[in-house]
Each structure stands twice: as structure tokens, then as C-alpha cells.
Amino acid sequence: MDDTPQYVDRVIDDTGRQTDAWSRTLDDMEAIAERRREDGWDAVTLTTAQTAPLSRDDGDDPERFGLVTVLPDNYAEEFTEVYEENALDQYQAYSNVVEGFMYLLLEVLDSDSKTTLLLAMRYDLVLADAMATSAYDEGTLFTHVKTIDGTELGTFQHDDFEALLPPRFTRSADEED
């Protein structure tokens, strides 16, 4: 982690805007879950401890890239149960960029079982350029979920991934041709 004064000043929340953005993300997660429940869905809400963008050039495995998010150990069993018992093959993303951070609510759904899993996360945009490049190069983006000790819990693949990126990283159809 960078400990230069510029980085430290950027991540310290002197204005309270980052705290407010995180609170809104958590409130949105609960509101969406409640609406789903009212419509007869099973909804599980989980707050991640940390999320980091990962590019193909990071780490030992060039095939492993995307968002790596860490769940506290006390959520692992609940996540694993929902992940293993449902298809969770659709997703919605709700996001907001505040002071260089992407506040992201990832909702993965299984329409057949009417089950939804909502993950609240935040990642640093300074680290996201290479991840976005990897996603565009490969035409997909992954969300890897693990515990604090590194135990892999599950992976979601997003072929339509631009909703997981802030607007400055998205490419219009004209740019892709």
C-alpha cells in the first residue's frame, strides 16, 4: 500500500463524504433487499470488508482479474450456502463515485428460485485502470469473493461489465469499433 502523504491525504475522510457514500450504499442495499422480499424473493445482504481491483498483470495468474472482495469470516457460511444452492446468473449494479472511490452494490440474482444476494463494496479508482483494460481486452470481468484468510468462496463472471466500472472507464460503442 502506498503511504506517501498524497495517498494518505486522499484516503482520509476529512469531509465525511466517503462515510456518507458508504452509509448510502448500505441503506440502498437494505432498501433493495426489502423491496425484493416484498415481492416474494429471498434476499441476503452482505457487507464486504475490502475490495480491490485486480488486472491480468497483478498476481501470479493472468486469468484472474476483476474485483477481489473480502467477506468477514462470519458471512462466509451464508454466502457459500446461497452461492452453491442457486444459479445467480443475472446481476444488477448500483454505484456512485465519491472522492476517487467507487461505491458499488452488486446484486446477483437467480430468477427461478427468486433468490438475490447483495454485496456492498468500495474500491479505489487509482487502482482500477489496469483492471478496466483487462476487462475490455478479455470482454468480461470477474468478481472474486474470498474470506480474510484468503479462502476462495466463489466467483461471478460479468460479460456485460460496464455497470461495474465508473463512467470514466466505460467505452462507447463507437470507440470499440
N, C-alpha and C. Protein backbone atom coordinates (compact mmCIF):
# COMPACT_ATOMS: atom_id res chain seq x y z
N MET A 1 0.84 -1.17 0.00
CA MET A 1 0.00 0.00 0.00
C MET A 1 0.88 1.23 0.00
N ASP A 2 0.45 2.22 -0.72
CA ASP A 2 1.18 3.48 -0.82
C ASP A 2 0.99 4.28 0.47
N ASP A 3 2.08 4.72 1.08
CA ASP A 3 1.95 5.51 2.30
C ASP A 3 2.51 6.93 2.12
N THR A 4 2.58 7.39 0.86
CA THR A 4 3.02 8.76 0.62
C THR A 4 1.98 9.72 1.19
N PRO A 5 2.41 10.93 1.54
CA PRO A 5 1.45 11.90 2.10
C PRO A 5 0.26 12.17 1.19
N GLN A 6 0.48 12.21 -0.14
CA GLN A 6 -0.62 12.47 -1.05
C GLN A 6 -1.67 11.37 -0.96
N TYR A 7 -1.23 10.11 -0.91
CA TYR A 7 -2.17 9.00 -0.82
C TYR A 7 -2.91 9.03 0.51
N VAL A 8 -2.18 9.22 1.58
CA VAL A 8 -2.79 9.24 2.91
C VAL A 8 -3.82 10.36 2.99
N ASP A 9 -3.48 11.55 2.48
CA ASP A 9 -4.43 12.66 2.49
C ASP A 9 -5.68 12.33 1.69
N ARG A 10 -5.52 11.60 0.60
CA ARG A 10 -6.66 11.27 -0.26
C ARG A 10 -7.60 10.27 0.39
N VAL A 11 -7.08 9.33 1.13
CA VAL A 11 -7.95 8.30 1.72
C VAL A 11 -8.51 8.69 3.08
N ILE A 12 -7.95 9.72 3.71
CA ILE A 12 -8.53 10.20 4.96
C ILE A 12 -9.81 10.96 4.63
N ASP A 13 -10.86 10.67 5.34
CA ASP A 13 -12.18 11.23 5.04
C ASP A 13 -12.46 12.47 5.88
N ASP A 14 -11.71 13.55 5.62
CA ASP A 14 -11.89 14.79 6.37
C ASP A 14 -13.26 15.42 6.17
N THR A 15 -13.84 15.25 4.98
CA THR A 15 -15.11 15.90 4.66
C THR A 15 -16.32 15.10 5.12
N GLY A 16 -16.14 13.82 5.36
CA GLY A 16 -17.26 12.96 5.71
C GLY A 16 -18.03 12.45 4.50
N ARG A 17 -17.62 12.87 3.30
CA ARG A 17 -18.33 12.44 2.08
C ARG A 17 -18.17 10.94 1.83
N GLN A 18 -17.00 10.39 2.14
CA GLN A 18 -16.82 8.95 1.94
C GLN A 18 -17.68 8.16 2.92
N THR A 19 -17.73 8.61 4.15
CA THR A 19 -18.57 7.95 5.15
C THR A 19 -20.04 8.02 4.74
N ASP A 20 -20.47 9.18 4.25
CA ASP A 20 -21.85 9.34 3.79
C ASP A 20 -22.14 8.43 2.59
N ALA A 21 -21.19 8.34 1.67
CA ALA A 21 -21.38 7.49 0.49
C ALA A 21 -21.51 6.02 0.90
N TRP A 22 -20.70 5.59 1.86
CA TRP A 22 -20.77 4.21 2.33
C TRP A 22 -22.11 3.97 3.04
N SER A 23 -22.54 4.92 3.83
CA SER A 23 -23.84 4.79 4.52
C SER A 23 -24.98 4.70 3.51
N ARG A 24 -24.92 5.52 2.46
CA ARG A 24 -25.96 5.46 1.42
C ARG A 24 -25.93 4.12 0.70
N THR A 25 -24.74 3.59 0.46
CA THR A 25 -24.63 2.28 -0.20
C THR A 25 -25.29 1.21 0.66
N LEU A 26 -25.02 1.22 1.94
CA LEU A 26 -25.63 0.23 2.84
C LEU A 26 -27.14 0.43 2.95
N ASP A 27 -27.59 1.68 3.01
CA ASP A 27 -29.03 1.95 3.05
C ASP A 27 -29.70 1.48 1.77
N ASP A 28 -29.07 1.73 0.63
CA ASP A 28 -29.62 1.27 -0.65
C ASP A 28 -29.71 -0.25 -0.69
N MET A 29 -28.68 -0.91 -0.17
CA MET A 29 -28.68 -2.37 -0.15
C MET A 29 -29.89 -2.88 0.63
N GLU A 30 -30.11 -2.32 1.79
CA GLU A 30 -31.24 -2.77 2.62
C GLU A 30 -32.58 -2.44 1.97
N ALA A 31 -32.69 -1.29 1.31
CA ALA A 31 -33.94 -0.91 0.65
C ALA A 31 -34.24 -1.84 -0.53
N ILE A 32 -33.23 -2.17 -1.31
CA ILE A 32 -33.42 -3.09 -2.44
C ILE A 32 -33.80 -4.47 -1.92
N ALA A 33 -33.12 -4.92 -0.89
CA ALA A 33 -33.44 -6.23 -0.30
C ALA A 33 -34.88 -6.26 0.21
N GLU A 34 -35.30 -5.19 0.84
CA GLU A 34 -36.67 -5.14 1.37
C GLU A 34 -37.70 -5.17 0.24
N ARG A 35 -37.44 -4.44 -0.84
CA ARG A 35 -38.35 -4.48 -2.00
C ARG A 35 -38.42 -5.89 -2.58
N ARG A 36 -37.27 -6.54 -2.68
CA ARG A 36 -37.28 -7.92 -3.20
C ARG A 36 -38.10 -8.83 -2.28
N ARG A 37 -37.90 -8.70 -0.99
CA ARG A 37 -38.64 -9.53 -0.03
C ARG A 37 -40.15 -9.30 -0.16
N GLU A 38 -40.54 -8.04 -0.33
CA GLU A 38 -41.96 -7.73 -0.51
C GLU A 38 -42.52 -8.39 -1.76
N ASP A 39 -41.66 -8.62 -2.75
CA ASP A 39 -42.07 -9.29 -3.99
C ASP A 39 -41.91 -10.80 -3.92
N GLY A 40 -41.62 -11.33 -2.73
CA GLY A 40 -41.54 -12.77 -2.55
C GLY A 40 -40.17 -13.40 -2.74
N TRP A 41 -39.14 -12.60 -2.82
CA TRP A 41 -37.78 -13.11 -3.00
C TRP A 41 -37.12 -13.37 -1.65
N ASP A 42 -36.16 -14.30 -1.66
CA ASP A 42 -35.22 -14.43 -0.54
C ASP A 42 -34.06 -13.49 -0.86
N ALA A 43 -33.74 -12.61 0.07
CA ALA A 43 -32.68 -11.63 -0.15
C ALA A 43 -31.67 -11.70 0.98
N VAL A 44 -30.40 -11.85 0.59
CA VAL A 44 -29.29 -11.90 1.55
C VAL A 44 -28.42 -10.68 1.30
N THR A 45 -28.13 -9.93 2.37
CA THR A 45 -27.28 -8.74 2.26
C THR A 45 -25.97 -8.98 3.01
N LEU A 46 -24.87 -8.67 2.34
CA LEU A 46 -23.55 -8.87 2.93
C LEU A 46 -22.68 -7.64 2.68
N THR A 47 -22.01 -7.20 3.71
CA THR A 47 -21.10 -6.06 3.61
C THR A 47 -19.67 -6.58 3.54
N THR A 48 -18.95 -6.18 2.51
CA THR A 48 -17.58 -6.65 2.35
C THR A 48 -16.64 -5.83 3.23
N ALA A 49 -15.51 -6.44 3.57
CA ALA A 49 -14.51 -5.76 4.39
C ALA A 49 -13.55 -4.93 3.54
N GLN A 50 -13.27 -5.41 2.34
CA GLN A 50 -12.33 -4.74 1.45
C GLN A 50 -12.56 -5.24 0.03
N THR A 51 -12.36 -4.35 -0.93
CA THR A 51 -12.45 -4.72 -2.34
C THR A 51 -11.30 -4.06 -3.07
N ALA A 52 -10.65 -4.81 -3.95
CA ALA A 52 -9.53 -4.26 -4.71
C ALA A 52 -9.65 -4.66 -6.17
N PRO A 53 -9.37 -3.72 -7.08
CA PRO A 53 -9.31 -4.06 -8.50
C PRO A 53 -8.04 -4.86 -8.77
N LEU A 54 -8.16 -5.85 -9.63
CA LEU A 54 -7.03 -6.71 -9.97
C LEU A 54 -6.96 -6.82 -11.49
N SER A 55 -5.78 -6.57 -12.06
CA SER A 55 -5.60 -6.71 -13.51
C SER A 55 -4.94 -8.04 -13.82
N ARG A 56 -4.86 -8.37 -15.11
CA ARG A 56 -4.19 -9.61 -15.51
C ARG A 56 -2.71 -9.57 -15.16
N ASP A 57 -2.13 -8.38 -15.05
CA ASP A 57 -0.71 -8.25 -14.74
C ASP A 57 -0.42 -8.33 -13.25
N ASP A 58 -1.45 -8.27 -12.42
CA ASP A 58 -1.27 -8.37 -10.97
C ASP A 58 -1.30 -9.84 -10.57
N GLY A 59 -0.50 -10.20 -9.63
CA GLY A 59 -0.54 -11.57 -9.11
C GLY A 59 0.11 -12.59 -10.02
N ASP A 60 -0.12 -13.86 -9.67
CA ASP A 60 0.53 -14.97 -10.37
C ASP A 60 -0.27 -15.52 -11.53
N ASP A 61 -1.57 -15.26 -11.59
CA ASP A 61 -2.45 -15.87 -12.58
C ASP A 61 -3.04 -14.80 -13.49
N PRO A 62 -2.58 -14.74 -14.75
CA PRO A 62 -3.10 -13.72 -15.66
C PRO A 62 -4.58 -13.91 -16.01
N GLU A 63 -5.12 -15.08 -15.72
CA GLU A 63 -6.55 -15.33 -15.97
C GLU A 63 -7.42 -14.82 -14.83
N ARG A 64 -6.81 -14.47 -13.72
CA ARG A 64 -7.56 -13.99 -12.55
C ARG A 64 -7.47 -12.47 -12.50
N PHE A 65 -8.57 -11.82 -12.83
CA PHE A 65 -8.63 -10.36 -12.79
C PHE A 65 -10.07 -9.96 -12.47
N GLY A 66 -10.24 -8.71 -12.15
CA GLY A 66 -11.56 -8.18 -11.81
C GLY A 66 -11.55 -7.59 -10.42
N LEU A 67 -12.69 -7.68 -9.77
CA LEU A 67 -12.81 -7.20 -8.40
C LEU A 67 -12.58 -8.36 -7.45
N VAL A 68 -11.68 -8.17 -6.51
CA VAL A 68 -11.45 -9.17 -5.47
C VAL A 68 -12.01 -8.56 -4.19
N THR A 69 -13.03 -9.20 -3.67
CA THR A 69 -13.68 -8.65 -2.49
C THR A 69 -13.60 -9.62 -1.33
N VAL A 70 -13.38 -9.08 -0.16
CA VAL A 70 -13.16 -9.88 1.04
C VAL A 70 -14.38 -9.77 1.94
N LEU A 71 -14.91 -10.94 2.30
CA LEU A 71 -16.02 -11.01 3.26
C LEU A 71 -15.47 -11.36 4.63
N PRO A 72 -15.99 -10.74 5.66
CA PRO A 72 -15.63 -11.19 7.01
C PRO A 72 -16.01 -12.66 7.18
N ASP A 73 -15.22 -13.38 7.96
CA ASP A 73 -15.43 -14.82 8.13
C ASP A 73 -16.85 -15.18 8.59
N ASN A 74 -17.48 -14.31 9.38
CA ASN A 74 -18.80 -14.65 9.89
C ASN A 74 -19.88 -14.61 8.81
N TYR A 75 -19.57 -14.11 7.60
CA TYR A 75 -20.51 -14.14 6.48
C TYR A 75 -20.24 -15.29 5.52
N ALA A 76 -19.15 -15.99 5.69
CA ALA A 76 -18.72 -16.99 4.71
C ALA A 76 -19.74 -18.11 4.54
N GLU A 77 -20.25 -18.64 5.61
CA GLU A 77 -21.19 -19.76 5.51
C GLU A 77 -22.47 -19.34 4.80
N GLU A 78 -22.99 -18.17 5.14
CA GLU A 78 -24.22 -17.68 4.50
C GLU A 78 -24.00 -17.45 3.01
N PHE A 79 -22.86 -16.83 2.65
CA PHE A 79 -22.54 -16.62 1.24
C PHE A 79 -22.45 -17.95 0.51
N THR A 80 -21.70 -18.89 1.06
CA THR A 80 -21.47 -20.18 0.41
C THR A 80 -22.79 -20.92 0.19
N GLU A 81 -23.66 -20.90 1.16
CA GLU A 81 -24.95 -21.57 1.03
C GLU A 81 -25.75 -20.99 -0.14
N VAL A 82 -25.85 -19.68 -0.20
CA VAL A 82 -26.60 -19.03 -1.29
C VAL A 82 -25.90 -19.27 -2.63
N TYR A 83 -24.60 -19.16 -2.65
CA TYR A 83 -23.82 -19.32 -3.88
C TYR A 83 -23.94 -20.73 -4.45
N GLU A 84 -23.86 -21.73 -3.59
CA GLU A 84 -23.87 -23.12 -4.06
C GLU A 84 -25.27 -23.63 -4.39
N GLU A 85 -26.30 -23.07 -3.78
CA GLU A 85 -27.66 -23.60 -3.96
C GLU A 85 -28.47 -22.86 -5.02
N ASN A 86 -27.91 -21.83 -5.63
CA ASN A 86 -28.65 -21.02 -6.60
C ASN A 86 -27.79 -20.73 -7.82
N ALA A 87 -28.45 -20.51 -8.96
CA ALA A 87 -27.72 -20.24 -10.20
C ALA A 87 -27.05 -18.86 -10.17
N LEU A 88 -27.70 -17.85 -9.61
CA LEU A 88 -27.14 -16.49 -9.51
C LEU A 88 -26.47 -16.09 -10.83
N ASP A 89 -27.23 -16.18 -11.91
CA ASP A 89 -26.68 -15.95 -13.24
C ASP A 89 -27.06 -14.61 -13.85
N GLN A 90 -27.69 -13.75 -13.08
CA GLN A 90 -28.02 -12.41 -13.54
C GLN A 90 -27.47 -11.42 -12.51
N TYR A 91 -27.27 -10.18 -12.94
CA TYR A 91 -26.83 -9.21 -11.94
C TYR A 91 -27.30 -7.81 -12.29
N GLN A 92 -27.36 -7.00 -11.25
CA GLN A 92 -27.61 -5.57 -11.34
C GLN A 92 -26.49 -4.89 -10.55
N ALA A 93 -26.10 -3.72 -10.99
CA ALA A 93 -25.08 -2.96 -10.26
C ALA A 93 -25.60 -1.55 -10.03
N TYR A 94 -25.41 -1.08 -8.82
CA TYR A 94 -25.79 0.27 -8.43
C TYR A 94 -24.52 0.91 -7.88
N SER A 95 -24.19 2.10 -8.38
CA SER A 95 -22.89 2.65 -7.98
C SER A 95 -22.92 4.17 -7.90
N ASN A 96 -21.88 4.67 -7.26
CA ASN A 96 -21.67 6.10 -7.09
C ASN A 96 -20.17 6.32 -6.90
N VAL A 97 -19.63 7.34 -7.54
CA VAL A 97 -18.22 7.68 -7.39
C VAL A 97 -18.13 8.89 -6.47
N VAL A 98 -17.33 8.75 -5.42
CA VAL A 98 -17.14 9.84 -4.47
C VAL A 98 -15.66 9.91 -4.10
N GLU A 99 -15.06 11.06 -4.33
CA GLU A 99 -13.68 11.33 -3.94
C GLU A 99 -12.71 10.21 -4.30
N GLY A 100 -12.80 9.74 -5.53
CA GLY A 100 -11.84 8.76 -6.02
C GLY A 100 -12.13 7.32 -5.65
N PHE A 101 -13.31 7.06 -5.11
CA PHE A 101 -13.70 5.69 -4.76
C PHE A 101 -15.01 5.35 -5.43
N MET A 102 -15.13 4.11 -5.87
CA MET A 102 -16.36 3.59 -6.45
C MET A 102 -17.10 2.86 -5.34
N TYR A 103 -18.28 3.35 -5.01
CA TYR A 103 -19.16 2.69 -4.05
C TYR A 103 -20.12 1.86 -4.87
N LEU A 104 -20.08 0.55 -4.67
CA LEU A 104 -20.76 -0.38 -5.56
C LEU A 104 -21.63 -1.34 -4.78
N LEU A 105 -22.83 -1.50 -5.25
CA LEU A 105 -23.73 -2.51 -4.72
C LEU A 105 -23.96 -3.50 -5.85
N LEU A 106 -23.48 -4.71 -5.67
CA LEU A 106 -23.64 -5.77 -6.66
C LEU A 106 -24.77 -6.68 -6.19
N GLU A 107 -25.78 -6.80 -7.03
CA GLU A 107 -26.90 -7.70 -6.74
C GLU A 107 -26.85 -8.83 -7.76
N VAL A 108 -26.65 -10.06 -7.29
CA VAL A 108 -26.67 -11.22 -8.17
C VAL A 108 -27.95 -11.99 -7.87
N LEU A 109 -28.61 -12.44 -8.95
CA LEU A 109 -29.95 -12.98 -8.82
C LEU A 109 -30.11 -14.34 -9.48
N ASP A 110 -31.01 -15.13 -8.94
CA ASP A 110 -31.49 -16.36 -9.55
C ASP A 110 -33.01 -16.20 -9.65
N SER A 111 -33.49 -15.90 -10.85
CA SER A 111 -34.92 -15.66 -11.05
C SER A 111 -35.77 -16.90 -10.79
N ASP A 112 -35.23 -18.07 -11.10
CA ASP A 112 -36.00 -19.31 -10.91
C ASP A 112 -36.32 -19.56 -9.44
N SER A 113 -35.33 -19.39 -8.58
CA SER A 113 -35.54 -19.63 -7.15
C SER A 113 -35.96 -18.36 -6.40
N LYS A 114 -36.01 -17.24 -7.13
CA LYS A 114 -36.33 -15.94 -6.52
C LYS A 114 -35.42 -15.67 -5.32
N THR A 115 -34.12 -15.77 -5.61
CA THR A 115 -33.09 -15.52 -4.60
C THR A 115 -32.17 -14.43 -5.11
N THR A 116 -31.83 -13.50 -4.22
CA THR A 116 -30.88 -12.45 -4.57
C THR A 116 -29.84 -12.32 -3.47
N LEU A 117 -28.63 -12.07 -3.89
CA LEU A 117 -27.50 -11.85 -2.98
C LEU A 117 -26.97 -10.45 -3.29
N LEU A 118 -26.92 -9.61 -2.27
CA LEU A 118 -26.44 -8.24 -2.44
C LEU A 118 -25.13 -8.06 -1.69
N LEU A 119 -24.12 -7.56 -2.41
CA LEU A 119 -22.79 -7.33 -1.83
C LEU A 119 -22.48 -5.84 -1.91
N ALA A 120 -22.26 -5.21 -0.77
CA ALA A 120 -21.86 -3.81 -0.72
C ALA A 120 -20.34 -3.76 -0.69
N MET A 121 -19.76 -2.95 -1.60
CA MET A 121 -18.31 -2.86 -1.67
C MET A 121 -17.87 -1.46 -2.08
N ARG A 122 -16.60 -1.20 -1.89
CA ARG A 122 -15.98 0.07 -2.28
C ARG A 122 -14.58 -0.24 -2.78
N TYR A 123 -14.22 0.39 -3.92
CA TYR A 123 -12.84 0.20 -4.39
C TYR A 123 -12.23 1.52 -4.84
N ASP A 124 -10.90 1.56 -4.77
CA ASP A 124 -10.10 2.74 -5.07
C ASP A 124 -9.90 2.85 -6.58
N LEU A 125 -10.32 3.97 -7.16
CA LEU A 125 -10.21 4.15 -8.60
C LEU A 125 -8.78 4.33 -9.08
N VAL A 126 -7.88 4.73 -8.20
CA VAL A 126 -6.47 4.86 -8.58
C VAL A 126 -5.94 3.51 -9.07
N LEU A 127 -6.48 2.45 -8.53
CA LEU A 127 -6.00 1.10 -8.86
C LEU A 127 -6.82 0.44 -9.97
N ALA A 128 -7.80 1.12 -10.54
CA ALA A 128 -8.76 0.47 -11.43
C ALA A 128 -8.44 0.52 -12.91
N ASP A 129 -7.53 1.38 -13.35
CA ASP A 129 -7.23 1.50 -14.78
C ASP A 129 -6.85 0.16 -15.41
N ALA A 130 -5.90 -0.53 -14.82
CA ALA A 130 -5.42 -1.79 -15.40
C ALA A 130 -6.50 -2.86 -15.37
N MET A 131 -7.34 -2.87 -14.34
CA MET A 131 -8.44 -3.83 -14.29
C MET A 131 -9.41 -3.58 -15.44
N ALA A 132 -9.75 -2.31 -15.68
CA ALA A 132 -10.67 -1.97 -16.77
C ALA A 132 -10.07 -2.39 -18.11
N THR A 133 -8.78 -2.15 -18.30
CA THR A 133 -8.11 -2.57 -19.53
C THR A 133 -8.20 -4.08 -19.70
N SER A 134 -7.95 -4.83 -18.64
CA SER A 134 -8.06 -6.29 -18.70
C SER A 134 -9.47 -6.72 -19.08
N ALA A 135 -10.46 -6.06 -18.51
CA ALA A 135 -11.86 -6.41 -18.80
C ALA A 135 -12.17 -6.17 -20.28
N TYR A 136 -11.77 -5.04 -20.81
CA TYR A 136 -12.03 -4.76 -22.22
C TYR A 136 -11.24 -5.70 -23.13
N ASP A 137 -10.01 -6.01 -22.76
CA ASP A 137 -9.21 -6.94 -23.57
C ASP A 137 -9.85 -8.32 -23.62
N GLU A 138 -10.40 -8.77 -22.51
CA GLU A 138 -10.96 -10.12 -22.42
C GLU A 138 -12.46 -10.17 -22.70
N GLY A 139 -13.12 -9.02 -22.68
CA GLY A 139 -14.55 -8.99 -22.92
C GLY A 139 -15.38 -9.48 -21.75
N THR A 140 -14.80 -9.50 -20.57
CA THR A 140 -15.51 -9.96 -19.38
C THR A 140 -14.80 -9.40 -18.15
N LEU A 141 -15.50 -9.45 -17.03
CA LEU A 141 -14.94 -9.04 -15.75
C LEU A 141 -15.44 -10.02 -14.71
N PHE A 142 -14.62 -10.29 -13.73
CA PHE A 142 -14.98 -11.23 -12.66
C PHE A 142 -15.09 -10.50 -11.33
N THR A 143 -15.94 -11.01 -10.47
CA THR A 143 -15.95 -10.62 -9.07
C THR A 143 -15.58 -11.87 -8.29
N HIS A 144 -14.45 -11.84 -7.62
CA HIS A 144 -13.96 -12.95 -6.81
C HIS A 144 -14.26 -12.64 -5.35
N VAL A 145 -14.88 -13.58 -4.66
CA VAL A 145 -15.23 -13.39 -3.26
C VAL A 145 -14.41 -14.36 -2.43
N LYS A 146 -13.75 -13.83 -1.41
CA LYS A 146 -12.93 -14.67 -0.54
C LYS A 146 -13.06 -14.18 0.90
N THR A 147 -12.53 -14.97 1.82
CA THR A 147 -12.52 -14.57 3.23
C THR A 147 -11.21 -13.85 3.53
N ILE A 148 -11.12 -13.33 4.73
CA ILE A 148 -9.94 -12.58 5.14
C ILE A 148 -8.68 -13.45 5.08
N ASP A 149 -8.81 -14.75 5.37
CA ASP A 149 -7.63 -15.63 5.33
C ASP A 149 -7.30 -16.11 3.92
N GLY A 150 -8.05 -15.65 2.91
CA GLY A 150 -7.76 -16.00 1.52
C GLY A 150 -8.56 -17.16 0.97
N THR A 151 -9.42 -17.78 1.77
CA THR A 151 -10.24 -18.88 1.29
C THR A 151 -11.19 -18.38 0.20
N GLU A 152 -11.11 -18.99 -0.98
CA GLU A 152 -11.97 -18.60 -2.09
C GLU A 152 -13.38 -19.13 -1.85
N LEU A 153 -14.37 -18.25 -1.93
CA LEU A 153 -15.76 -18.64 -1.71
C LEU A 153 -16.54 -18.77 -3.01
N GLY A 154 -16.23 -17.95 -3.98
CA GLY A 154 -16.98 -18.01 -5.24
C GLY A 154 -16.55 -16.91 -6.19
N THR A 155 -16.93 -17.08 -7.45
CA THR A 155 -16.60 -16.12 -8.50
C THR A 155 -17.82 -15.90 -9.37
N PHE A 156 -18.07 -14.64 -9.70
CA PHE A 156 -19.13 -14.28 -10.63
C PHE A 156 -18.48 -13.71 -11.88
N GLN A 157 -18.98 -14.12 -13.05
CA GLN A 157 -18.48 -13.60 -14.31
C GLN A 157 -19.51 -12.63 -14.88
N HIS A 158 -19.03 -11.47 -15.34
CA HIS A 158 -19.90 -10.43 -15.88
C HIS A 158 -19.45 -10.11 -17.30
N ASP A 159 -20.17 -10.64 -18.29
CA ASP A 159 -19.82 -10.32 -19.68
C ASP A 159 -20.24 -8.90 -20.05
N ASP A 160 -21.31 -8.43 -19.46
CA ASP A 160 -21.76 -7.05 -19.63
C ASP A 160 -21.33 -6.30 -18.38
N PHE A 161 -20.09 -5.85 -18.37
CA PHE A 161 -19.43 -5.42 -17.13
C PHE A 161 -19.36 -3.91 -16.91
N GLU A 162 -19.75 -3.11 -17.87
CA GLU A 162 -19.54 -1.66 -17.74
C GLU A 162 -20.24 -1.06 -16.53
N ALA A 163 -21.32 -1.67 -16.07
CA ALA A 163 -22.02 -1.15 -14.89
C ALA A 163 -21.16 -1.27 -13.62
N LEU A 164 -20.13 -2.10 -13.67
CA LEU A 164 -19.25 -2.27 -12.52
C LEU A 164 -18.08 -1.28 -12.53
N LEU A 165 -17.99 -0.50 -13.60
CA LEU A 165 -16.92 0.48 -13.75
C LEU A 165 -17.49 1.89 -13.65
N PRO A 166 -16.69 2.83 -13.17
CA PRO A 166 -17.16 4.22 -13.16
C PRO A 166 -17.21 4.76 -14.59
N PRO A 167 -18.00 5.80 -14.82
CA PRO A 167 -18.18 6.31 -16.19
C PRO A 167 -16.88 6.62 -16.92
N ARG A 168 -15.86 7.09 -16.23
CA ARG A 168 -14.63 7.46 -16.95
C ARG A 168 -13.91 6.25 -17.55
N PHE A 169 -14.26 5.04 -17.13
CA PHE A 169 -13.63 3.84 -17.68
C PHE A 169 -14.47 3.17 -18.75
N THR A 170 -15.69 3.60 -18.96
CA THR A 170 -16.54 2.93 -19.94
C THR A 170 -16.24 3.45 -21.34
N ARG A 171 -16.44 2.57 -22.30
CA ARG A 171 -16.19 2.91 -23.70
C ARG A 171 -17.51 2.88 -24.44
N SER A 172 -17.72 3.84 -25.28
CA SER A 172 -18.95 3.84 -26.09
C SER A 172 -18.79 2.82 -27.21
N ALA A 173 -19.89 2.47 -27.83
CA ALA A 173 -19.86 1.51 -28.94
C ALA A 173 -18.98 2.03 -30.07
N ASP A 174 -18.96 3.35 -30.29
CA ASP A 174 -18.12 3.93 -31.34
C ASP A 174 -16.64 3.68 -31.09
N GLU A 175 -16.22 3.74 -29.84
CA GLU A 175 -14.81 3.55 -29.51
C GLU A 175 -14.38 2.11 -29.69
N GLU A 176 -15.32 1.16 -29.56
CA GLU A 176 -14.96 -0.25 -29.64
C GLU A 176 -14.82 -0.72 -31.08
N ASP A 177 -15.47 -0.03 -32.03
CA ASP A 177 -15.40 -0.45 -33.44
C ASP A 177 -14.11 -0.04 -34.09
